[in-house]
Amino acid sequence: MNAEALFLSLRLAATVSFLLLVLALPLAYGLAFSTWRGKFLVESVVALPLVLPPTVLGFYALVAMGPRGPLGKIWQSLFGHSLAFTFAGLVLASMLYSLPFAVQPLVASFESLDRRLLDASAVLGASRARTFLRVILPLAWPGVLTALVLSFAHTLGEFGVVLMVGGNLPGITRTVSIDIYDRVQALDYAAAHQTALLLLLVSFVVLAIVYGVNRRVWSPWLAK
């Protein structure tokens, strides 16, 4: 098993899931509580990675991050090197690819809240920020955990987008999924099996956590 590729994948998945949560919370809040009629356009853009082939998404991400792309030019001017084929480029592309896995669980969780509790908080004089932190987040914590876990697992198993944007640079962009592909290409099925089995177990644990939370198998807020 390639420990370097596994560590890189875990680092990428942890970084992406954390940054996505920061981005997805206000975005999901706006989608859940906004009455704007055109919000379906935003919802469509958020959900686009679900139906778009990873190679297509990776190609346009590569174009945008390239030396002549808008993101590439900005990055070049700020840091003096290209954004494509770097870890930072992988993070940005992975955030785009896993965005719906972070936003949609949060939207569903926010929309399921009892609006009377929010109205009561407003009547008591709480600001929107205080209501969000003290009422909405504690009640919507299963959606928050689901968003974190799903975005982490989805990023961990990425292949198409990672290969298009990052290539196969050991220690920089060579993730565990690319390592499995390389092992298979080299007919090293034993090593590929070990890594693939590990990802299979991780995926099972992730799904068990998500389904357990959604069925309220355990909860710090359950009444005793």
C-alpha atoms as a PDB file:
ATOM      1  CA  MET A   1       0.000   0.000   0.000  1.00  0.00           C
ATOM      2  CA  ASN A   2       1.259   3.444  -0.928  1.00  0.00           C
ATOM      3  CA  ALA A   3       1.197   5.279   2.418  1.00  0.00           C
ATOM      4  CA  GLU A   4       2.182   8.568   0.776  1.00  0.00           C
ATOM      5  CA  ALA A   5      -0.802   8.461  -1.607  1.00  0.00           C
ATOM      6  CA  LEU A   6      -3.145   7.472   1.222  1.00  0.00           C
ATOM      7  CA  PHE A   7      -1.941  10.304   3.452  1.00  0.00           C
ATOM      8  CA  LEU A   8      -2.298  12.768   0.587  1.00  0.00           C
ATOM      9  CA  SER A   9      -5.861  11.610  -0.057  1.00  0.00           C
ATOM     10  CA  LEU A  10      -6.775  11.906   3.624  1.00  0.00           C
ATOM     11  CA  ARG A  11      -5.249  15.380   3.760  1.00  0.00           C
ATOM     12  CA  LEU A  12      -7.131  16.406   0.623  1.00  0.00           C
ATOM     13  CA  ALA A  13     -10.445  14.991   1.877  1.00  0.00           C
ATOM     14  CA  ALA A  14     -10.089  16.642   5.306  1.00  0.00           C
ATOM     15  CA  THR A  15      -9.202  20.019   3.783  1.00  0.00           C
ATOM     16  CA  VAL A  16     -12.024  19.906   1.249  1.00  0.00           C
ATOM     17  CA  SER A  17     -14.686  18.774   3.735  1.00  0.00           C
ATOM     18  CA  PHE A  18     -13.765  21.547   6.189  1.00  0.00           C
ATOM     19  CA  LEU A  19     -13.679  24.299   3.562  1.00  0.00           C
ATOM     20  CA  LEU A  20     -16.881  23.015   1.982  1.00  0.00           C
ATOM     21  CA  LEU A  21     -18.694  23.139   5.318  1.00  0.00           C
ATOM     22  CA  VAL A  22     -17.687  26.772   5.759  1.00  0.00           C
ATOM     23  CA  LEU A  23     -18.933  27.541   2.239  1.00  0.00           C
ATOM     24  CA  ALA A  24     -22.020  25.313   2.321  1.00  0.00           C
ATOM     25  CA  LEU A  25     -23.529  26.555   5.586  1.00  0.00           C
ATOM     26  CA  PRO A  26     -24.417  30.089   4.385  1.00  0.00           C
ATOM     27  CA  LEU A  27     -25.248  28.814   0.900  1.00  0.00           C
ATOM     28  CA  ALA A  28     -27.593  26.135   2.234  1.00  0.00           C
ATOM     29  CA  TYR A  29     -29.153  28.635   4.657  1.00  0.00           C
ATOM     30  CA  GLY A  30     -29.927  30.984   1.785  1.00  0.00           C
ATOM     31  CA  LEU A  31     -31.407  28.203  -0.349  1.00  0.00           C
ATOM     32  CA  ALA A  32     -33.512  26.847   2.500  1.00  0.00           C
ATOM     33  CA  PHE A  33     -34.975  30.114   3.774  1.00  0.00           C
ATOM     34  CA  SER A  34     -34.932  32.369   0.723  1.00  0.00           C
ATOM     35  CA  THR A  35     -38.221  33.135  -1.031  1.00  0.00           C
ATOM     36  CA  TRP A  36     -36.500  34.280  -4.243  1.00  0.00           C
ATOM     37  CA  ARG A  37     -38.184  32.613  -7.193  1.00  0.00           C
ATOM     38  CA  GLY A  38     -34.975  32.285  -9.138  1.00  0.00           C
ATOM     39  CA  LYS A  39     -33.165  30.249  -6.499  1.00  0.00           C
ATOM     40  CA  PHE A  40     -33.786  27.117  -8.571  1.00  0.00           C
ATOM     41  CA  LEU A  41     -31.012  28.376 -10.846  1.00  0.00           C
ATOM     42  CA  VAL A  42     -28.570  28.356  -7.952  1.00  0.00           C
ATOM     43  CA  GLU A  43     -29.818  24.909  -6.929  1.00  0.00           C
ATOM     44  CA  SER A  44     -29.202  23.679 -10.472  1.00  0.00           C
ATOM     45  CA  VAL A  45     -25.635  25.002 -10.480  1.00  0.00           C
ATOM     46  CA  VAL A  46     -24.949  23.392  -7.097  1.00  0.00           C
ATOM     47  CA  ALA A  47     -26.325  20.027  -8.249  1.00  0.00           C
ATOM     48  CA  LEU A  48     -24.571  20.102 -11.636  1.00  0.00           C
ATOM     49  CA  PRO A  49     -21.560  17.985 -10.526  1.00  0.00           C
ATOM     50  CA  LEU A  50     -23.988  15.141  -9.752  1.00  0.00           C
ATOM     51  CA  VAL A  51     -24.858  14.667 -13.424  1.00  0.00           C
ATOM     52  CA  LEU A  52     -21.795  16.109 -15.137  1.00  0.00           C
ATOM     53  CA  PRO A  53     -19.087  13.574 -16.092  1.00  0.00           C
ATOM     54  CA  PRO A  54     -15.998  14.065 -13.894  1.00  0.00           C
ATOM     55  CA  THR A  55     -13.768  14.366 -16.951  1.00  0.00           C
ATOM     56  CA  VAL A  56     -15.879  17.243 -18.285  1.00  0.00           C
ATOM     57  CA  LEU A  57     -15.810  19.033 -14.947  1.00  0.00           C
ATOM     58  CA  GLY A  58     -12.085  18.341 -14.614  1.00  0.00           C
ATOM     59  CA  PHE A  59     -11.394  19.635 -18.110  1.00  0.00           C
ATOM     60  CA  TYR A  60     -13.070  22.989 -17.540  1.00  0.00           C
ATOM     61  CA  ALA A  61     -11.463  23.260 -14.113  1.00  0.00           C
ATOM     62  CA  LEU A  62      -8.095  22.652 -15.761  1.00  0.00           C
ATOM     63  CA  VAL A  63      -8.800  25.325 -18.373  1.00  0.00           C
ATOM     64  CA  ALA A  64      -9.792  27.819 -15.667  1.00  0.00           C
ATOM     65  CA  MET A  65      -6.695  27.037 -13.613  1.00  0.00           C
ATOM     66  CA  GLY A  66      -4.281  26.986 -16.516  1.00  0.00           C
ATOM     67  CA  PRO A  67      -1.827  29.802 -17.307  1.00  0.00           C
ATOM     68  CA  ARG A  68      -4.376  31.472 -19.596  1.00  0.00           C
ATOM     69  CA  GLY A  69      -7.418  30.815 -17.429  1.00  0.00           C
ATOM     70  CA  PRO A  70      -8.904  33.432 -15.067  1.00  0.00           C
ATOM     71  CA  LEU A  71      -8.058  31.523 -11.886  1.00  0.00           C
ATOM     72  CA  GLY A  72      -4.634  30.588 -13.224  1.00  0.00           C
ATOM     73  CA  LYS A  73      -3.754  34.185 -14.033  1.00  0.00           C
ATOM     74  CA  ILE A  74      -4.819  35.417 -10.585  1.00  0.00           C
ATOM     75  CA  TRP A  75      -2.908  32.625  -8.857  1.00  0.00           C
ATOM     76  CA  GLN A  76       0.161  33.261 -11.004  1.00  0.00           C
ATOM     77  CA  SER A  77       0.172  36.949 -10.130  1.00  0.00           C
ATOM     78  CA  LEU A  78      -0.204  36.247  -6.411  1.00  0.00           C
ATOM     79  CA  PHE A  79       2.111  33.277  -5.916  1.00  0.00           C
ATOM     80  CA  GLY A  80       4.293  33.210  -9.003  1.00  0.00           C
ATOM     81  CA  HIS A  81       3.439  29.683 -10.155  1.00  0.00           C
ATOM     82  CA  SER A  82       0.647  27.826 -11.887  1.00  0.00           C
ATOM     83  CA  LEU A  83      -2.437  26.590 -10.024  1.00  0.00           C
ATOM     84  CA  ALA A  84      -2.920  23.473 -12.132  1.00  0.00           C
ATOM     85  CA  PHE A  85      -1.065  20.304 -11.084  1.00  0.00           C
ATOM     86  CA  THR A  86      -0.735  21.522  -7.479  1.00  0.00           C
ATOM     87  CA  PHE A  87      -2.355  20.484  -4.216  1.00  0.00           C
ATOM     88  CA  ALA A  88      -4.189  23.809  -4.045  1.00  0.00           C
ATOM     89  CA  GLY A  89      -5.614  23.145  -7.497  1.00  0.00           C
ATOM     90  CA  LEU A  90      -6.816  19.737  -6.329  1.00  0.00           C
ATOM     91  CA  VAL A  91      -8.533  21.360  -3.355  1.00  0.00           C
ATOM     92  CA  LEU A  92     -10.416  23.876  -5.509  1.00  0.00           C
ATOM     93  CA  ALA A  93     -11.456  21.281  -8.088  1.00  0.00           C
ATOM     94  CA  SER A  94     -12.507  18.830  -5.372  1.00  0.00           C
ATOM     95  CA  MET A  95     -14.584  21.479  -3.639  1.00  0.00           C
ATOM     96  CA  LEU A  96     -16.441  22.122  -6.870  1.00  0.00           C
ATOM     97  CA  TYR A  97     -16.948  18.400  -7.495  1.00  0.00           C
ATOM     98  CA  SER A  98     -18.167  17.622  -3.945  1.00  0.00           C
ATOM     99  CA  LEU A  99     -20.237  20.785  -3.465  1.00  0.00           C
ATOM    100  CA  PRO A 100     -23.677  19.122  -3.784  1.00  0.00           C
ATOM    101  CA  PHE A 101     -22.713  16.488  -1.199  1.00  0.00           C
ATOM    102  CA  ALA A 102     -22.195  19.270   1.331  1.00  0.00           C
ATOM    103  CA  VAL A 103     -25.021  21.628   0.374  1.00  0.00           C
ATOM    104  CA  GLN A 104     -27.960  19.291  -0.245  1.00  0.00           C
ATOM    105  CA  PRO A 105     -27.939  17.530   3.166  1.00  0.00           C
ATOM    106  CA  LEU A 106     -27.790  20.920   4.878  1.00  0.00           C
ATOM    107  CA  VAL A 107     -30.660  22.306   2.804  1.00  0.00           C
ATOM    108  CA  ALA A 108     -32.818  19.268   3.606  1.00  0.00           C
ATOM    109  CA  SER A 109     -31.987  19.560   7.289  1.00  0.00           C
ATOM    110  CA  PHE A 110     -32.720  23.296   7.414  1.00  0.00           C
ATOM    111  CA  GLU A 111     -36.000  22.894   5.557  1.00  0.00           C
ATOM    112  CA  SER A 112     -37.189  20.224   7.990  1.00  0.00           C
ATOM    113  CA  LEU A 113     -36.928  22.545  11.004  1.00  0.00           C
ATOM    114  CA  ASP A 114     -40.059  23.728  12.751  1.00  0.00           C
ATOM    115  CA  ARG A 115     -40.387  27.347  11.669  1.00  0.00           C
ATOM    116  CA  ARG A 116     -42.302  28.153  14.855  1.00  0.00           C
ATOM    117  CA  LEU A 117     -39.085  27.740  16.821  1.00  0.00           C
ATOM    118  CA  LEU A 118     -37.388  30.287  14.586  1.00  0.00           C
ATOM    119  CA  ASP A 119     -40.311  32.669  14.950  1.00  0.00           C
ATOM    120  CA  ALA A 120     -40.175  32.273  18.727  1.00  0.00           C
ATOM    121  CA  SER A 121     -36.477  33.088  18.707  1.00  0.00           C
ATOM    122  CA  ALA A 122     -37.149  36.230  16.688  1.00  0.00           C
ATOM    123  CA  VAL A 123     -39.980  37.280  19.030  1.00  0.00           C
ATOM    124  CA  LEU A 124     -37.626  36.906  21.984  1.00  0.00           C
ATOM    125  CA  GLY A 125     -35.288  39.387  20.325  1.00  0.00           C
ATOM    126  CA  ALA A 126     -32.563  37.079  19.088  1.00  0.00           C
ATOM    127  CA  SER A 127     -30.668  38.198  16.017  1.00  0.00           C
ATOM    128  CA  ARG A 128     -30.453  36.020  12.903  1.00  0.00           C
ATOM    129  CA  ALA A 129     -26.872  35.113  13.724  1.00  0.00           C
ATOM    130  CA  ARG A 130     -27.769  34.115  17.289  1.00  0.00           C
ATOM    131  CA  THR A 131     -30.776  32.141  16.072  1.00  0.00           C
ATOM    132  CA  PHE A 132     -28.589  30.330  13.573  1.00  0.00           C
ATOM    133  CA  LEU A 133     -25.936  29.438  16.156  1.00  0.00           C
ATOM    134  CA  ARG A 134     -28.218  28.641  19.103  1.00  0.00           C
ATOM    135  CA  VAL A 135     -31.308  27.182  17.409  1.00  0.00           C
ATOM    136  CA  ILE A 136     -30.741  26.148  13.795  1.00  0.00           C
ATOM    137  CA  LEU A 137     -27.319  24.495  14.063  1.00  0.00           C
ATOM    138  CA  PRO A 138     -28.101  22.353  17.149  1.00  0.00           C
ATOM    139  CA  LEU A 139     -31.337  21.119  15.580  1.00  0.00           C
ATOM    140  CA  ALA A 140     -29.772  20.548  12.161  1.00  0.00           C
ATOM    141  CA  TRP A 141     -26.632  18.793  13.432  1.00  0.00           C
ATOM    142  CA  PRO A 142     -27.429  15.479  11.623  1.00  0.00           C
ATOM    143  CA  GLY A 143     -27.371  17.374   8.331  1.00  0.00           C
ATOM    144  CA  VAL A 144     -24.090  19.039   9.272  1.00  0.00           C
ATOM    145  CA  LEU A 145     -22.499  15.695  10.117  1.00  0.00           C
ATOM    146  CA  THR A 146     -23.899  14.129   6.952  1.00  0.00           C
ATOM    147  CA  ALA A 147     -22.470  16.951   4.844  1.00  0.00           C
ATOM    148  CA  LEU A 148     -19.050  16.553   6.450  1.00  0.00           C
ATOM    149  CA  VAL A 149     -18.939  12.785   6.114  1.00  0.00           C
ATOM    150  CA  LEU A 150     -20.269  12.615   2.565  1.00  0.00           C
ATOM    151  CA  SER A 151     -17.975  15.345   1.249  1.00  0.00           C
ATOM    152  CA  PHE A 152     -15.009  13.668   2.955  1.00  0.00           C
ATOM    153  CA  ALA A 153     -15.804  10.248   1.503  1.00  0.00           C
ATOM    154  CA  HIS A 154     -16.618  11.591  -1.942  1.00  0.00           C
ATOM    155  CA  THR A 155     -13.327  13.474  -2.098  1.00  0.00           C
ATOM    156  CA  LEU A 156     -11.399  10.477  -0.812  1.00  0.00           C
ATOM    157  CA  GLY A 157     -12.491   8.361  -3.776  1.00  0.00           C
ATOM    158  CA  GLU A 158     -12.149  10.945  -6.542  1.00  0.00           C
ATOM    159  CA  PHE A 159     -10.441   9.918  -9.747  1.00  0.00           C
ATOM    160  CA  GLY A 160     -11.501  11.748 -12.919  1.00  0.00           C
ATOM    161  CA  VAL A 161     -11.352  15.307 -11.643  1.00  0.00           C
ATOM    162  CA  VAL A 162      -8.136  14.669  -9.710  1.00  0.00           C
ATOM    163  CA  LEU A 163      -6.432  13.112 -12.726  1.00  0.00           C
ATOM    164  CA  MET A 164      -7.474  15.944 -15.052  1.00  0.00           C
ATOM    165  CA  VAL A 165      -6.482  18.790 -12.737  1.00  0.00           C
ATOM    166  CA  GLY A 166      -3.573  17.285 -10.814  1.00  0.00           C
ATOM    167  CA  GLY A 167      -2.121  14.618 -13.034  1.00  0.00           C
ATOM    168  CA  ASN A 168      -0.043  11.953 -11.321  1.00  0.00           C
ATOM    169  CA  LEU A 169       2.758  13.647  -9.406  1.00  0.00           C
ATOM    170  CA  PRO A 170       3.994  11.522  -6.452  1.00  0.00           C
ATOM    171  CA  GLY A 171       3.687  13.343  -3.152  1.00  0.00           C
ATOM    172  CA  ILE A 172       1.852  16.274  -4.748  1.00  0.00           C
ATOM    173  CA  THR A 173      -1.215  15.100  -6.655  1.00  0.00           C
ATOM    174  CA  ARG A 174      -1.001  11.300  -6.714  1.00  0.00           C
ATOM    175  CA  THR A 175      -4.000  10.285  -4.616  1.00  0.00           C
ATOM    176  CA  VAL A 176      -4.976   6.801  -3.517  1.00  0.00           C
ATOM    177  CA  SER A 177      -7.489   6.314  -6.345  1.00  0.00           C
ATOM    178  CA  ILE A 178      -4.825   7.125  -8.934  1.00  0.00           C
ATOM    179  CA  ASP A 179      -2.449   4.776  -7.146  1.00  0.00           C
ATOM    180  CA  ILE A 180      -4.990   1.955  -7.494  1.00  0.00           C
ATOM    181  CA  TYR A 181      -5.310   2.695 -11.194  1.00  0.00           C
ATOM    182  CA  ASP A 182      -1.527   2.612 -11.605  1.00  0.00           C
ATOM    183  CA  ARG A 183      -1.310  -0.705  -9.744  1.00  0.00           C
ATOM    184  CA  VAL A 184      -3.920  -2.256 -12.007  1.00  0.00           C
ATOM    185  CA  GLN A 185      -2.155  -0.929 -15.097  1.00  0.00           C
ATOM    186  CA  ALA A 186       1.040  -2.559 -13.825  1.00  0.00           C
ATOM    187  CA  LEU A 187      -0.869  -5.824 -13.190  1.00  0.00           C
ATOM    188  CA  ASP A 188      -0.063  -5.572  -9.470  1.00  0.00           C
ATOM    189  CA  TYR A 189      -3.498  -6.784  -8.414  1.00  0.00           C
ATOM    190  CA  ALA A 190      -2.459  -7.722  -4.879  1.00  0.00           C
ATOM    191  CA  ALA A 191      -1.435  -4.151  -3.999  1.00  0.00           C
ATOM    192  CA  ALA A 192      -4.470  -2.740  -5.803  1.00  0.00           C
ATOM    193  CA  HIS A 193      -6.715  -5.111  -3.831  1.00  0.00           C
ATOM    194  CA  GLN A 194      -5.290  -4.000  -0.487  1.00  0.00           C
ATOM    195  CA  THR A 195      -5.904  -0.325  -1.190  1.00  0.00           C
ATOM    196  CA  ALA A 196      -9.282  -0.899  -2.813  1.00  0.00           C
ATOM    197  CA  LEU A 197     -10.417  -2.994   0.157  1.00  0.00           C
ATOM    198  CA  LEU A 198      -9.431  -0.201   2.521  1.00  0.00           C
ATOM    199  CA  LEU A 199     -11.508   2.304   0.546  1.00  0.00           C
ATOM    200  CA  LEU A 200     -14.397  -0.162   0.516  1.00  0.00           C
ATOM    201  CA  LEU A 201     -14.304  -0.426   4.297  1.00  0.00           C
ATOM    202  CA  VAL A 202     -14.092   3.357   4.661  1.00  0.00           C
ATOM    203  CA  SER A 203     -17.101   3.784   2.363  1.00  0.00           C
ATOM    204  CA  PHE A 204     -19.101   1.258   4.391  1.00  0.00           C
ATOM    205  CA  VAL A 205     -18.285   3.014   7.651  1.00  0.00           C
ATOM    206  CA  VAL A 206     -19.241   6.359   6.119  1.00  0.00           C
ATOM    207  CA  LEU A 207     -22.618   5.072   4.958  1.00  0.00           C
ATOM    208  CA  ALA A 208     -23.243   3.415   8.327  1.00  0.00           C
ATOM    209  CA  ILE A 209     -22.582   6.718  10.092  1.00  0.00           C
ATOM    210  CA  VAL A 210     -24.846   8.664   7.741  1.00  0.00           C
ATOM    211  CA  TYR A 211     -27.750   6.218   7.961  1.00  0.00           C
ATOM    212  CA  GLY A 212     -27.315   5.854  11.701  1.00  0.00           C
ATOM    213  CA  VAL A 213     -27.468   9.604  12.224  1.00  0.00           C
ATOM    214  CA  ASN A 214     -30.450  10.077   9.924  1.00  0.00           C
ATOM    215  CA  ARG A 215     -32.385   7.346  11.737  1.00  0.00           C
ATOM    216  CA  ARG A 216     -31.475   8.946  15.043  1.00  0.00           C
ATOM    217  CA  VAL A 217     -29.753   5.837  16.360  1.00  0.00           C
ATOM    218  CA  TRP A 218     -27.825   8.145  18.641  1.00  0.00           C
ATOM    219  CA  SER A 219     -28.057  11.840  19.369  1.00  0.00           C
ATOM    220  CA  PRO A 220     -26.748  14.142  22.115  1.00  0.00           C
ATOM    221  CA  TRP A 221     -30.121  15.929  22.019  1.00  0.00           C
ATOM    222  CA  LEU A 222     -32.338  12.866  22.375  1.00  0.00           C
ATOM    223  CA  ALA A 223     -34.632  13.078  25.344  1.00  0.00           C
ATOM    224  CA  LYS A 224     -33.771  10.648  28.090  1.00  0.00           C
END
